[in-house]
Amino acid sequence: MVKVKICGLTTLRDALKAVEYGADALGFNFYPPSPRCMSVAETESILRELPPHVCKVGVFVNEPRQKIESVIRGCQTDACDGLTAVQFHGDEDPNYCVGWPLKVIKALRVRDREALETLNDYLADYFLLDSYSTGFGGSGTPFSWEWLVGHMSDRMILAGGLDLGNVHRAVQELAPFAVDVCSGVETTPGVKDHVKMRDFIAAAKGH
C-alpha cells in the first residue's frame, strides 16, 4: 500500500491528527523563508509526542552541513529519538547528499522530462518529485505525470499539486512508493484542515 507523507506541520494537534488518520511520515520545515518554518525547540516538542513507527522528516534547502547536523542533534534528546530522515529540497549536489546518519530524501523540482535524468547522479534513499517553481516551495499544481513513464521505482515519492481530487488517480496510474502533500490539505500555510487530511489519506490508500 502506498505511504503518505504530510508535510509542513507546525502544531502537535495537526501532527497527531495526521498520525491518527494513517499518515506514515510527517515533514517539518527548516527553510527560513517558508511560512511553515519551525525552530528546533518547536519541532522537538512535537517529535517527543509522536509514536516511534512514524517517519519524521526534516526539510532543508541549501543549508550548510554543520547547520543540519546541529538541527539533527537538537531534535534528539533524552525524551525524543529525533528525526528519522532528512529531505534536501534545494540545489544540493550528489556529494552533499551522502554521508548522513539518517535516511536521505532528495527532492527534484520537475521542470521537464529531461530534469529526471539527474536522478541517476544521486545515491539518495528516496527521491521526491515536486512541481517546478521559481522558488523552493511547491507550486501547488501538478507537473505532467507522463514525464515519469520509465522513471518510477520503489524509491519515488510523488508530490506537486496533489489533493483529494487527484491523489487516487495518481496512485493508480503511477504506483509511487509514497505521496507527499502540504498545501493540498491546508486552510492557510502551516494550518492543516483535518477533514482534508483524513480524506486525502483515505483516498491515497484506497479506503
N, C-alpha and C. Protein backbone atom coordinates (compact mmCIF):
# COMPACT_ATOMS: atom_id res chain seq x y z
N MET A 1 0.84 -1.19 0.00
CA MET A 1 0.00 0.00 0.00
C MET A 1 0.88 1.25 0.00
N VAL A 2 0.46 2.26 -0.73
CA VAL A 2 1.24 3.49 -0.81
C VAL A 2 1.36 4.15 0.56
N LYS A 3 2.52 4.75 0.80
CA LYS A 3 2.74 5.51 2.02
C LYS A 3 2.29 6.96 1.80
N VAL A 4 1.96 7.65 2.88
CA VAL A 4 1.53 9.04 2.80
C VAL A 4 2.38 9.90 3.73
N LYS A 5 2.95 10.97 3.17
CA LYS A 5 3.71 11.95 3.95
C LYS A 5 2.94 13.26 3.97
N ILE A 6 2.67 13.74 5.17
CA ILE A 6 2.05 15.05 5.37
C ILE A 6 3.17 16.02 5.73
N CYS A 7 3.36 17.04 4.91
CA CYS A 7 4.50 17.94 5.10
C CYS A 7 4.04 19.32 5.58
N GLY A 8 4.99 20.06 6.14
CA GLY A 8 4.72 21.42 6.58
C GLY A 8 3.92 21.50 7.87
N LEU A 9 4.08 20.53 8.74
CA LEU A 9 3.36 20.54 10.02
C LEU A 9 3.98 21.56 10.98
N THR A 10 3.13 22.24 11.72
CA THR A 10 3.61 23.26 12.65
C THR A 10 3.04 23.13 14.06
N THR A 11 2.06 22.24 14.26
CA THR A 11 1.46 22.09 15.58
C THR A 11 1.36 20.62 15.96
N LEU A 12 1.39 20.36 17.25
CA LEU A 12 1.24 18.99 17.75
C LEU A 12 -0.14 18.45 17.41
N ARG A 13 -1.16 19.27 17.51
CA ARG A 13 -2.52 18.81 17.23
C ARG A 13 -2.63 18.31 15.79
N ASP A 14 -2.10 19.07 14.85
CA ASP A 14 -2.15 18.63 13.46
C ASP A 14 -1.34 17.36 13.24
N ALA A 15 -0.18 17.28 13.88
CA ALA A 15 0.67 16.10 13.72
C ALA A 15 -0.02 14.85 14.26
N LEU A 16 -0.63 14.96 15.41
CA LEU A 16 -1.31 13.79 16.00
C LEU A 16 -2.52 13.38 15.16
N LYS A 17 -3.23 14.35 14.61
CA LYS A 17 -4.36 14.02 13.76
C LYS A 17 -3.88 13.30 12.49
N ALA A 18 -2.78 13.77 11.93
CA ALA A 18 -2.24 13.11 10.73
C ALA A 18 -1.91 11.65 11.02
N VAL A 19 -1.30 11.41 12.18
CA VAL A 19 -0.97 10.03 12.57
C VAL A 19 -2.24 9.22 12.79
N GLU A 20 -3.21 9.82 13.47
CA GLU A 20 -4.49 9.12 13.72
C GLU A 20 -5.16 8.70 12.43
N TYR A 21 -5.04 9.53 11.40
CA TYR A 21 -5.70 9.24 10.13
C TYR A 21 -4.90 8.29 9.25
N GLY A 22 -3.68 7.96 9.67
CA GLY A 22 -2.92 6.95 8.94
C GLY A 22 -1.70 7.44 8.19
N ALA A 23 -1.24 8.67 8.46
CA ALA A 23 -0.03 9.15 7.80
C ALA A 23 1.17 8.30 8.24
N ASP A 24 2.05 8.02 7.30
CA ASP A 24 3.24 7.22 7.57
C ASP A 24 4.46 8.07 7.86
N ALA A 25 4.45 9.31 7.38
CA ALA A 25 5.60 10.21 7.57
C ALA A 25 5.08 11.63 7.73
N LEU A 26 5.81 12.40 8.52
CA LEU A 26 5.47 13.80 8.78
C LEU A 26 6.68 14.66 8.45
N GLY A 27 6.46 15.78 7.78
CA GLY A 27 7.56 16.66 7.40
C GLY A 27 7.56 17.95 8.20
N PHE A 28 8.76 18.35 8.64
CA PHE A 28 8.93 19.58 9.42
C PHE A 28 9.93 20.47 8.70
N ASN A 29 9.51 21.70 8.42
CA ASN A 29 10.24 22.60 7.53
C ASN A 29 11.25 23.44 8.31
N PHE A 30 12.50 23.44 7.84
CA PHE A 30 13.55 24.26 8.44
C PHE A 30 14.10 25.27 7.44
N TYR A 31 13.28 25.67 6.48
CA TYR A 31 13.68 26.66 5.47
C TYR A 31 13.19 28.03 5.92
N PRO A 32 14.07 28.92 6.36
CA PRO A 32 13.65 30.18 6.99
C PRO A 32 12.64 31.02 6.20
N PRO A 33 12.73 31.13 4.87
CA PRO A 33 11.73 31.96 4.18
C PRO A 33 10.31 31.39 4.18
N SER A 34 10.16 30.13 4.53
CA SER A 34 8.85 29.50 4.46
C SER A 34 7.97 29.92 5.63
N PRO A 35 6.68 30.15 5.39
CA PRO A 35 5.76 30.43 6.50
C PRO A 35 5.56 29.24 7.42
N ARG A 36 6.04 28.07 7.01
CA ARG A 36 5.90 26.86 7.82
C ARG A 36 7.19 26.52 8.57
N CYS A 37 8.18 27.41 8.51
CA CYS A 37 9.48 27.13 9.13
C CYS A 37 9.34 26.95 10.64
N MET A 38 10.04 25.93 11.16
CA MET A 38 9.98 25.59 12.57
C MET A 38 11.35 25.77 13.21
N SER A 39 11.35 26.08 14.49
CA SER A 39 12.60 26.08 15.25
C SER A 39 12.89 24.66 15.72
N VAL A 40 14.11 24.44 16.15
CA VAL A 40 14.47 23.12 16.68
C VAL A 40 13.64 22.81 17.92
N ALA A 41 13.49 23.78 18.80
CA ALA A 41 12.74 23.55 20.04
C ALA A 41 11.28 23.23 19.75
N GLU A 42 10.67 23.96 18.82
CA GLU A 42 9.28 23.69 18.47
C GLU A 42 9.13 22.28 17.90
N THR A 43 10.06 21.91 17.05
CA THR A 43 9.97 20.59 16.42
C THR A 43 10.18 19.48 17.44
N GLU A 44 11.18 19.62 18.28
CA GLU A 44 11.46 18.59 19.29
C GLU A 44 10.26 18.39 20.21
N SER A 45 9.54 19.47 20.54
CA SER A 45 8.39 19.35 21.43
C SER A 45 7.26 18.55 20.78
N ILE A 46 7.20 18.56 19.46
CA ILE A 46 6.21 17.74 18.74
C ILE A 46 6.72 16.30 18.59
N LEU A 47 7.97 16.17 18.19
CA LEU A 47 8.52 14.83 17.93
C LEU A 47 8.42 13.92 19.16
N ARG A 48 8.63 14.48 20.33
CA ARG A 48 8.63 13.65 21.55
C ARG A 48 7.26 13.03 21.83
N GLU A 49 6.21 13.58 21.22
CA GLU A 49 4.85 13.08 21.45
C GLU A 49 4.38 12.11 20.38
N LEU A 50 5.22 11.87 19.38
CA LEU A 50 4.79 11.03 18.26
C LEU A 50 5.19 9.58 18.46
N PRO A 51 4.42 8.65 17.94
CA PRO A 51 4.77 7.23 18.07
C PRO A 51 6.02 6.91 17.27
N PRO A 52 6.78 5.91 17.70
CA PRO A 52 8.06 5.61 17.05
C PRO A 52 7.95 5.11 15.61
N HIS A 53 6.79 4.56 15.23
CA HIS A 53 6.69 3.98 13.89
C HIS A 53 6.56 5.03 12.80
N VAL A 54 6.29 6.29 13.16
CA VAL A 54 6.10 7.34 12.16
C VAL A 54 7.46 7.92 11.76
N CYS A 55 7.67 8.06 10.47
CA CYS A 55 8.91 8.66 9.96
C CYS A 55 8.82 10.18 10.13
N LYS A 56 9.85 10.77 10.74
CA LYS A 56 9.87 12.21 10.99
C LYS A 56 10.96 12.83 10.13
N VAL A 57 10.54 13.69 9.21
CA VAL A 57 11.43 14.20 8.18
C VAL A 57 11.72 15.68 8.39
N GLY A 58 13.00 16.04 8.43
CA GLY A 58 13.40 17.44 8.46
C GLY A 58 13.66 17.90 7.04
N VAL A 59 13.04 19.02 6.64
CA VAL A 59 13.15 19.53 5.27
C VAL A 59 14.08 20.74 5.25
N PHE A 60 15.10 20.69 4.40
CA PHE A 60 16.13 21.73 4.34
C PHE A 60 16.36 22.18 2.90
N VAL A 61 16.80 23.42 2.75
CA VAL A 61 17.09 23.98 1.43
C VAL A 61 18.46 24.65 1.45
N ASN A 62 19.42 24.03 0.79
CA ASN A 62 20.75 24.64 0.59
C ASN A 62 21.41 25.11 1.88
N GLU A 63 21.28 24.33 2.93
CA GLU A 63 21.87 24.70 4.21
C GLU A 63 23.29 24.14 4.34
N PRO A 64 24.18 24.83 5.06
CA PRO A 64 25.49 24.25 5.36
C PRO A 64 25.32 22.94 6.13
N ARG A 65 26.20 22.01 5.87
CA ARG A 65 26.12 20.71 6.53
C ARG A 65 26.11 20.85 8.06
N GLN A 66 26.92 21.77 8.56
CA GLN A 66 27.01 21.94 10.01
C GLN A 66 25.67 22.38 10.61
N LYS A 67 24.91 23.19 9.86
CA LYS A 67 23.61 23.65 10.35
C LYS A 67 22.65 22.47 10.47
N ILE A 68 22.65 21.60 9.48
CA ILE A 68 21.73 20.46 9.52
C ILE A 68 22.15 19.49 10.62
N GLU A 69 23.43 19.27 10.77
CA GLU A 69 23.91 18.39 11.84
C GLU A 69 23.49 18.94 13.20
N SER A 70 23.50 20.26 13.35
CA SER A 70 23.07 20.88 14.60
C SER A 70 21.58 20.67 14.84
N VAL A 71 20.78 20.79 13.80
CA VAL A 71 19.34 20.55 13.93
C VAL A 71 19.07 19.09 14.31
N ILE A 72 19.77 18.17 13.66
CA ILE A 72 19.60 16.74 13.97
C ILE A 72 19.90 16.49 15.45
N ARG A 73 21.01 17.04 15.92
CA ARG A 73 21.37 16.85 17.34
C ARG A 73 20.35 17.50 18.26
N GLY A 74 19.87 18.68 17.89
CA GLY A 74 18.92 19.39 18.74
C GLY A 74 17.58 18.71 18.86
N CYS A 75 17.21 17.96 17.84
CA CYS A 75 15.92 17.26 17.85
C CYS A 75 15.99 15.93 18.60
N GLN A 76 17.19 15.50 18.94
CA GLN A 76 17.37 14.23 19.64
C GLN A 76 17.74 14.51 21.08
N THR A 77 16.82 14.21 21.99
CA THR A 77 17.02 14.47 23.42
C THR A 77 16.72 13.21 24.21
N ASP A 78 16.85 13.29 25.53
CA ASP A 78 16.52 12.14 26.38
C ASP A 78 15.06 11.73 26.22
N ALA A 79 14.21 12.73 25.88
CA ALA A 79 12.78 12.45 25.76
C ALA A 79 12.34 12.20 24.33
N CYS A 80 13.29 12.27 23.37
CA CYS A 80 12.88 12.22 21.97
C CYS A 80 13.97 11.59 21.12
N ASP A 81 13.58 10.62 20.29
CA ASP A 81 14.53 9.98 19.39
C ASP A 81 14.92 10.87 18.21
N GLY A 82 14.15 11.94 17.99
CA GLY A 82 14.52 12.90 16.96
C GLY A 82 14.03 12.55 15.57
N LEU A 83 14.68 13.15 14.58
CA LEU A 83 14.32 12.94 13.18
C LEU A 83 14.76 11.56 12.71
N THR A 84 14.07 11.05 11.71
CA THR A 84 14.46 9.76 11.12
C THR A 84 14.92 9.91 9.68
N ALA A 85 14.71 11.08 9.08
CA ALA A 85 15.15 11.32 7.70
C ALA A 85 15.36 12.80 7.47
N VAL A 86 16.20 13.11 6.50
CA VAL A 86 16.39 14.49 6.05
C VAL A 86 15.99 14.58 4.59
N GLN A 87 15.32 15.67 4.25
CA GLN A 87 14.89 15.91 2.87
C GLN A 87 15.59 17.16 2.36
N PHE A 88 16.31 17.04 1.27
CA PHE A 88 17.04 18.16 0.69
C PHE A 88 16.26 18.67 -0.51
N HIS A 89 15.76 19.90 -0.38
CA HIS A 89 14.80 20.43 -1.35
C HIS A 89 15.38 21.55 -2.19
N GLY A 90 16.70 21.70 -2.18
CA GLY A 90 17.32 22.79 -2.93
C GLY A 90 18.17 22.30 -4.07
N ASP A 91 19.33 22.97 -4.24
CA ASP A 91 20.24 22.64 -5.34
C ASP A 91 21.41 21.77 -4.87
N GLU A 92 21.21 21.00 -3.83
CA GLU A 92 22.28 20.18 -3.27
C GLU A 92 22.83 19.22 -4.32
N ASP A 93 24.17 19.12 -4.38
CA ASP A 93 24.77 18.23 -5.38
C ASP A 93 24.88 16.81 -4.83
N PRO A 94 25.23 15.86 -5.68
CA PRO A 94 25.27 14.45 -5.24
C PRO A 94 26.20 14.21 -4.05
N ASN A 95 27.35 14.86 -4.01
CA ASN A 95 28.28 14.65 -2.89
C ASN A 95 27.68 15.11 -1.57
N TYR A 96 26.91 16.18 -1.62
CA TYR A 96 26.28 16.71 -0.40
C TYR A 96 25.30 15.70 0.21
N CYS A 97 24.69 14.90 -0.63
CA CYS A 97 23.59 14.03 -0.19
C CYS A 97 24.04 12.68 0.35
N VAL A 98 25.34 12.47 0.53
CA VAL A 98 25.83 11.21 1.09
C VAL A 98 26.52 11.49 2.42
N GLY A 99 26.63 10.43 3.23
CA GLY A 99 27.35 10.55 4.50
C GLY A 99 26.52 11.05 5.66
N TRP A 100 25.21 11.00 5.55
CA TRP A 100 24.34 11.46 6.65
C TRP A 100 23.95 10.28 7.54
N PRO A 101 23.69 10.54 8.84
CA PRO A 101 23.34 9.44 9.75
C PRO A 101 21.89 9.00 9.63
N LEU A 102 21.08 9.74 8.85
CA LEU A 102 19.66 9.43 8.69
C LEU A 102 19.37 9.08 7.23
N LYS A 103 18.20 8.56 6.98
CA LYS A 103 17.76 8.35 5.60
C LYS A 103 17.73 9.69 4.86
N VAL A 104 18.05 9.65 3.56
CA VAL A 104 18.11 10.87 2.76
C VAL A 104 17.04 10.83 1.66
N ILE A 105 16.24 11.89 1.61
CA ILE A 105 15.28 12.10 0.53
C ILE A 105 15.78 13.29 -0.28
N LYS A 106 16.05 13.09 -1.55
CA LYS A 106 16.44 14.21 -2.42
C LYS A 106 15.24 14.63 -3.25
N ALA A 107 14.84 15.88 -3.09
CA ALA A 107 13.73 16.41 -3.87
C ALA A 107 14.22 16.92 -5.22
N LEU A 108 13.44 16.69 -6.24
CA LEU A 108 13.72 17.19 -7.58
C LEU A 108 12.52 17.98 -8.05
N ARG A 109 12.75 19.23 -8.41
CA ARG A 109 11.68 20.06 -8.97
C ARG A 109 11.63 19.78 -10.49
N VAL A 110 10.57 19.12 -10.90
CA VAL A 110 10.49 18.59 -12.26
C VAL A 110 9.98 19.67 -13.21
N ARG A 111 10.92 20.23 -13.98
CA ARG A 111 10.58 21.29 -14.93
C ARG A 111 10.20 20.71 -16.29
N ASP A 112 10.83 19.59 -16.63
CA ASP A 112 10.57 18.93 -17.91
C ASP A 112 11.03 17.48 -17.80
N ARG A 113 10.83 16.73 -18.85
CA ARG A 113 11.20 15.31 -18.84
C ARG A 113 12.70 15.13 -18.62
N GLU A 114 13.50 16.03 -19.19
CA GLU A 114 14.95 15.91 -19.11
C GLU A 114 15.46 16.06 -17.68
N ALA A 115 14.73 16.80 -16.86
CA ALA A 115 15.16 17.00 -15.47
C ALA A 115 15.29 15.68 -14.72
N LEU A 116 14.51 14.70 -15.11
CA LEU A 116 14.52 13.42 -14.42
C LEU A 116 15.82 12.65 -14.62
N GLU A 117 16.57 13.01 -15.67
CA GLU A 117 17.83 12.32 -15.92
C GLU A 117 18.84 12.54 -14.80
N THR A 118 18.71 13.64 -14.08
CA THR A 118 19.67 13.94 -13.00
C THR A 118 19.54 12.98 -11.82
N LEU A 119 18.43 12.24 -11.75
CA LEU A 119 18.26 11.29 -10.65
C LEU A 119 19.38 10.26 -10.61
N ASN A 120 19.90 9.93 -11.77
CA ASN A 120 20.95 8.91 -11.84
C ASN A 120 22.25 9.34 -11.17
N ASP A 121 22.38 10.65 -10.89
CA ASP A 121 23.61 11.16 -10.30
C ASP A 121 23.63 11.02 -8.77
N TYR A 122 22.48 10.72 -8.18
CA TYR A 122 22.35 10.75 -6.72
C TYR A 122 22.25 9.34 -6.13
N LEU A 123 22.75 9.22 -4.89
CA LEU A 123 22.66 7.96 -4.16
C LEU A 123 21.71 8.08 -2.97
N ALA A 124 20.69 8.89 -3.11
CA ALA A 124 19.72 9.08 -2.03
C ALA A 124 18.91 7.81 -1.80
N ASP A 125 18.34 7.71 -0.60
CA ASP A 125 17.48 6.57 -0.29
C ASP A 125 16.14 6.67 -1.03
N TYR A 126 15.63 7.90 -1.14
CA TYR A 126 14.36 8.15 -1.82
C TYR A 126 14.46 9.44 -2.61
N PHE A 127 13.59 9.56 -3.61
CA PHE A 127 13.51 10.78 -4.40
C PHE A 127 12.08 11.32 -4.33
N LEU A 128 11.97 12.61 -4.05
CA LEU A 128 10.67 13.27 -4.02
C LEU A 128 10.55 14.13 -5.27
N LEU A 129 9.54 13.86 -6.07
CA LEU A 129 9.35 14.54 -7.34
C LEU A 129 8.28 15.60 -7.17
N ASP A 130 8.70 16.87 -7.25
CA ASP A 130 7.82 18.00 -7.00
C ASP A 130 7.67 18.84 -8.26
N SER A 131 6.66 19.67 -8.31
CA SER A 131 6.49 20.58 -9.43
C SER A 131 7.53 21.69 -9.37
N TYR A 132 7.96 22.13 -10.53
CA TYR A 132 8.94 23.21 -10.58
C TYR A 132 8.28 24.54 -10.23
N SER A 133 9.00 25.35 -9.46
CA SER A 133 8.60 26.73 -9.21
C SER A 133 9.86 27.57 -9.14
N THR A 134 9.71 28.87 -9.26
CA THR A 134 10.89 29.74 -9.27
C THR A 134 11.60 29.75 -7.93
N GLY A 135 10.84 29.57 -6.84
CA GLY A 135 11.46 29.46 -5.52
C GLY A 135 11.64 28.01 -5.15
N PHE A 136 11.74 27.75 -3.85
CA PHE A 136 11.95 26.38 -3.40
C PHE A 136 10.74 25.79 -2.70
N GLY A 137 9.63 26.51 -2.69
CA GLY A 137 8.39 25.94 -2.20
C GLY A 137 7.66 25.27 -3.35
N GLY A 138 6.64 24.50 -3.03
CA GLY A 138 5.87 23.86 -4.08
C GLY A 138 5.02 24.88 -4.83
N SER A 139 4.69 24.57 -6.05
CA SER A 139 3.86 25.47 -6.86
C SER A 139 2.38 25.29 -6.58
N GLY A 140 2.02 24.14 -5.98
CA GLY A 140 0.61 23.85 -5.73
C GLY A 140 -0.13 23.29 -6.92
N THR A 141 0.59 23.07 -8.04
CA THR A 141 -0.03 22.49 -9.22
C THR A 141 0.79 21.28 -9.67
N PRO A 142 0.15 20.26 -10.23
CA PRO A 142 0.89 19.07 -10.67
C PRO A 142 1.75 19.35 -11.90
N PHE A 143 2.81 18.58 -12.05
CA PHE A 143 3.54 18.57 -13.31
C PHE A 143 2.97 17.46 -14.18
N SER A 144 3.50 17.33 -15.40
CA SER A 144 2.97 16.32 -16.33
C SER A 144 3.42 14.93 -15.90
N TRP A 145 2.50 14.12 -15.42
CA TRP A 145 2.85 12.79 -14.93
C TRP A 145 3.38 11.90 -16.05
N GLU A 146 3.04 12.21 -17.28
CA GLU A 146 3.52 11.39 -18.39
C GLU A 146 5.04 11.41 -18.49
N TRP A 147 5.68 12.45 -17.95
CA TRP A 147 7.14 12.51 -17.94
C TRP A 147 7.76 11.39 -17.11
N LEU A 148 6.98 10.83 -16.19
CA LEU A 148 7.52 9.84 -15.26
C LEU A 148 7.56 8.43 -15.83
N VAL A 149 6.96 8.24 -16.98
CA VAL A 149 6.97 6.90 -17.58
C VAL A 149 8.42 6.45 -17.79
N GLY A 150 8.73 5.29 -17.23
CA GLY A 150 10.09 4.77 -17.34
C GLY A 150 11.01 5.20 -16.22
N HIS A 151 10.53 6.08 -15.35
CA HIS A 151 11.38 6.58 -14.26
C HIS A 151 10.88 6.16 -12.87
N MET A 152 9.68 5.61 -12.78
CA MET A 152 9.14 5.27 -11.47
C MET A 152 9.85 4.03 -10.90
N SER A 153 10.02 4.05 -9.58
CA SER A 153 10.62 2.92 -8.88
C SER A 153 10.08 2.90 -7.46
N ASP A 154 10.53 1.92 -6.68
CA ASP A 154 10.04 1.81 -5.31
C ASP A 154 10.74 2.79 -4.37
N ARG A 155 11.45 3.77 -4.94
CA ARG A 155 12.07 4.84 -4.13
C ARG A 155 11.46 6.20 -4.43
N MET A 156 10.40 6.25 -5.23
CA MET A 156 9.84 7.51 -5.67
C MET A 156 8.69 7.98 -4.79
N ILE A 157 8.77 9.24 -4.37
CA ILE A 157 7.70 9.89 -3.61
C ILE A 157 7.12 10.97 -4.52
N LEU A 158 5.85 10.88 -4.81
CA LEU A 158 5.21 11.83 -5.72
C LEU A 158 4.63 13.00 -4.93
N ALA A 159 4.97 14.22 -5.36
CA ALA A 159 4.44 15.44 -4.76
C ALA A 159 4.01 16.36 -5.88
N GLY A 160 3.68 17.60 -5.53
CA GLY A 160 3.36 18.60 -6.53
C GLY A 160 1.89 18.67 -6.87
N GLY A 161 1.16 19.52 -6.16
CA GLY A 161 -0.24 19.76 -6.50
C GLY A 161 -1.19 18.63 -6.21
N LEU A 162 -0.80 17.71 -5.36
CA LEU A 162 -1.72 16.61 -5.02
C LEU A 162 -2.79 17.10 -4.04
N ASP A 163 -3.99 16.60 -4.23
CA ASP A 163 -5.09 16.92 -3.33
C ASP A 163 -6.10 15.77 -3.39
N LEU A 164 -7.22 15.96 -2.71
CA LEU A 164 -8.23 14.90 -2.67
C LEU A 164 -8.75 14.57 -4.06
N GLY A 165 -8.73 15.54 -4.96
CA GLY A 165 -9.30 15.33 -6.27
C GLY A 165 -8.45 14.52 -7.22
N ASN A 166 -7.15 14.40 -6.94
CA ASN A 166 -6.30 13.70 -7.91
C ASN A 166 -5.40 12.62 -7.31
N VAL A 167 -5.35 12.50 -6.00
CA VAL A 167 -4.37 11.59 -5.42
C VAL A 167 -4.68 10.13 -5.72
N HIS A 168 -5.95 9.75 -5.73
CA HIS A 168 -6.28 8.35 -6.02
C HIS A 168 -5.86 7.99 -7.44
N ARG A 169 -6.10 8.89 -8.38
CA ARG A 169 -5.69 8.63 -9.76
C ARG A 169 -4.17 8.55 -9.88
N ALA A 170 -3.47 9.42 -9.13
CA ALA A 170 -2.01 9.39 -9.16
C ALA A 170 -1.48 8.05 -8.69
N VAL A 171 -2.04 7.54 -7.62
CA VAL A 171 -1.60 6.25 -7.08
C VAL A 171 -1.92 5.13 -8.06
N GLN A 172 -3.10 5.18 -8.66
CA GLN A 172 -3.50 4.13 -9.59
C GLN A 172 -2.63 4.13 -10.85
N GLU A 173 -2.32 5.31 -11.36
CA GLU A 173 -1.61 5.40 -12.63
C GLU A 173 -0.10 5.22 -12.48
N LEU A 174 0.47 5.70 -11.35
CA LEU A 174 1.92 5.76 -11.23
C LEU A 174 2.49 4.78 -10.22
N ALA A 175 1.68 4.32 -9.27
CA ALA A 175 2.13 3.39 -8.23
C ALA A 175 3.43 3.86 -7.56
N PRO A 176 3.46 5.07 -7.03
CA PRO A 176 4.66 5.53 -6.34
C PRO A 176 4.84 4.82 -5.00
N PHE A 177 6.05 4.88 -4.46
CA PHE A 177 6.27 4.36 -3.12
C PHE A 177 5.44 5.14 -2.11
N ALA A 178 5.38 6.47 -2.30
CA ALA A 178 4.65 7.33 -1.38
C ALA A 178 4.15 8.56 -2.11
N VAL A 179 3.18 9.23 -1.50
CA VAL A 179 2.73 10.54 -1.96
C VAL A 179 2.95 11.54 -0.84
N ASP A 180 3.18 12.79 -1.24
CA ASP A 180 3.50 13.86 -0.30
C ASP A 180 2.54 15.02 -0.55
N VAL A 181 1.97 15.56 0.52
CA VAL A 181 1.06 16.68 0.38
C VAL A 181 1.34 17.72 1.45
N CYS A 182 1.15 18.98 1.08
CA CYS A 182 1.31 20.07 2.04
C CYS A 182 0.12 21.02 1.90
N SER A 183 0.19 21.93 0.92
CA SER A 183 -0.87 22.93 0.77
C SER A 183 -2.21 22.31 0.41
N GLY A 184 -2.20 21.12 -0.19
CA GLY A 184 -3.44 20.47 -0.58
C GLY A 184 -4.34 20.04 0.56
N VAL A 185 -3.81 20.10 1.80
CA VAL A 185 -4.63 19.74 2.97
C VAL A 185 -4.58 20.85 4.02
N GLU A 186 -4.44 22.10 3.55
CA GLU A 186 -4.34 23.23 4.47
C GLU A 186 -5.50 24.20 4.33
N THR A 187 -5.74 24.94 5.40
CA THR A 187 -6.65 26.08 5.35
C THR A 187 -5.85 27.35 5.06
N THR A 188 -4.71 27.50 5.73
CA THR A 188 -3.73 28.55 5.48
C THR A 188 -2.36 27.91 5.65
N PRO A 189 -1.28 28.53 5.12
CA PRO A 189 0.04 27.91 5.23
C PRO A 189 0.40 27.53 6.67
N GLY A 190 0.66 26.24 6.87
CA GLY A 190 1.05 25.74 8.19
C GLY A 190 -0.10 25.29 9.05
N VAL A 191 -1.34 25.54 8.63
CA VAL A 191 -2.52 25.13 9.40
C VAL A 191 -3.27 24.07 8.59
N LYS A 192 -3.31 22.85 9.11
CA LYS A 192 -3.92 21.76 8.37
C LYS A 192 -5.43 21.71 8.58
N ASP A 193 -6.12 21.34 7.53
CA ASP A 193 -7.55 21.07 7.57
C ASP A 193 -7.71 19.58 7.87
N HIS A 194 -8.25 19.26 9.01
CA HIS A 194 -8.29 17.86 9.44
C HIS A 194 -9.18 16.99 8.56
N VAL A 195 -10.25 17.54 8.07
CA VAL A 195 -11.12 16.77 7.17
C VAL A 195 -10.38 16.46 5.86
N LYS A 196 -9.70 17.47 5.32
CA LYS A 196 -8.94 17.25 4.09
C LYS A 196 -7.82 16.23 4.30
N MET A 197 -7.14 16.31 5.45
CA MET A 197 -6.09 15.33 5.74
C MET A 197 -6.65 13.93 5.80
N ARG A 198 -7.74 13.77 6.52
CA ARG A 198 -8.35 12.45 6.67
C ARG A 198 -8.77 11.89 5.32
N ASP A 199 -9.44 12.71 4.53
CA ASP A 199 -9.95 12.24 3.25
C ASP A 199 -8.83 12.01 2.24
N PHE A 200 -7.77 12.83 2.29
CA PHE A 200 -6.64 12.65 1.39
C PHE A 200 -5.96 11.31 1.67
N ILE A 201 -5.70 11.04 2.93
CA ILE A 201 -5.03 9.79 3.29
C ILE A 201 -5.89 8.58 2.91
N ALA A 202 -7.18 8.68 3.16
CA ALA A 202 -8.08 7.58 2.79
C ALA A 202 -8.10 7.36 1.28
N ALA A 203 -8.13 8.45 0.52
CA ALA A 203 -8.15 8.32 -0.94
C ALA A 203 -6.84 7.73 -1.47
N ALA A 204 -5.72 8.15 -0.89
CA ALA A 204 -4.43 7.63 -1.33
C ALA A 204 -4.32 6.13 -1.07
N LYS A 205 -4.83 5.70 0.06
CA LYS A 205 -4.70 4.30 0.47
C LYS A 205 -5.87 3.45 -0.02
N GLY A 206 -6.81 4.08 -0.73
CA GLY A 206 -7.92 3.32 -1.32
C GLY A 206 -8.96 2.88 -0.31
N HIS A 207 -9.11 3.63 0.79
CA HIS A 207 -10.10 3.25 1.80
C HIS A 207 -11.48 3.81 1.43
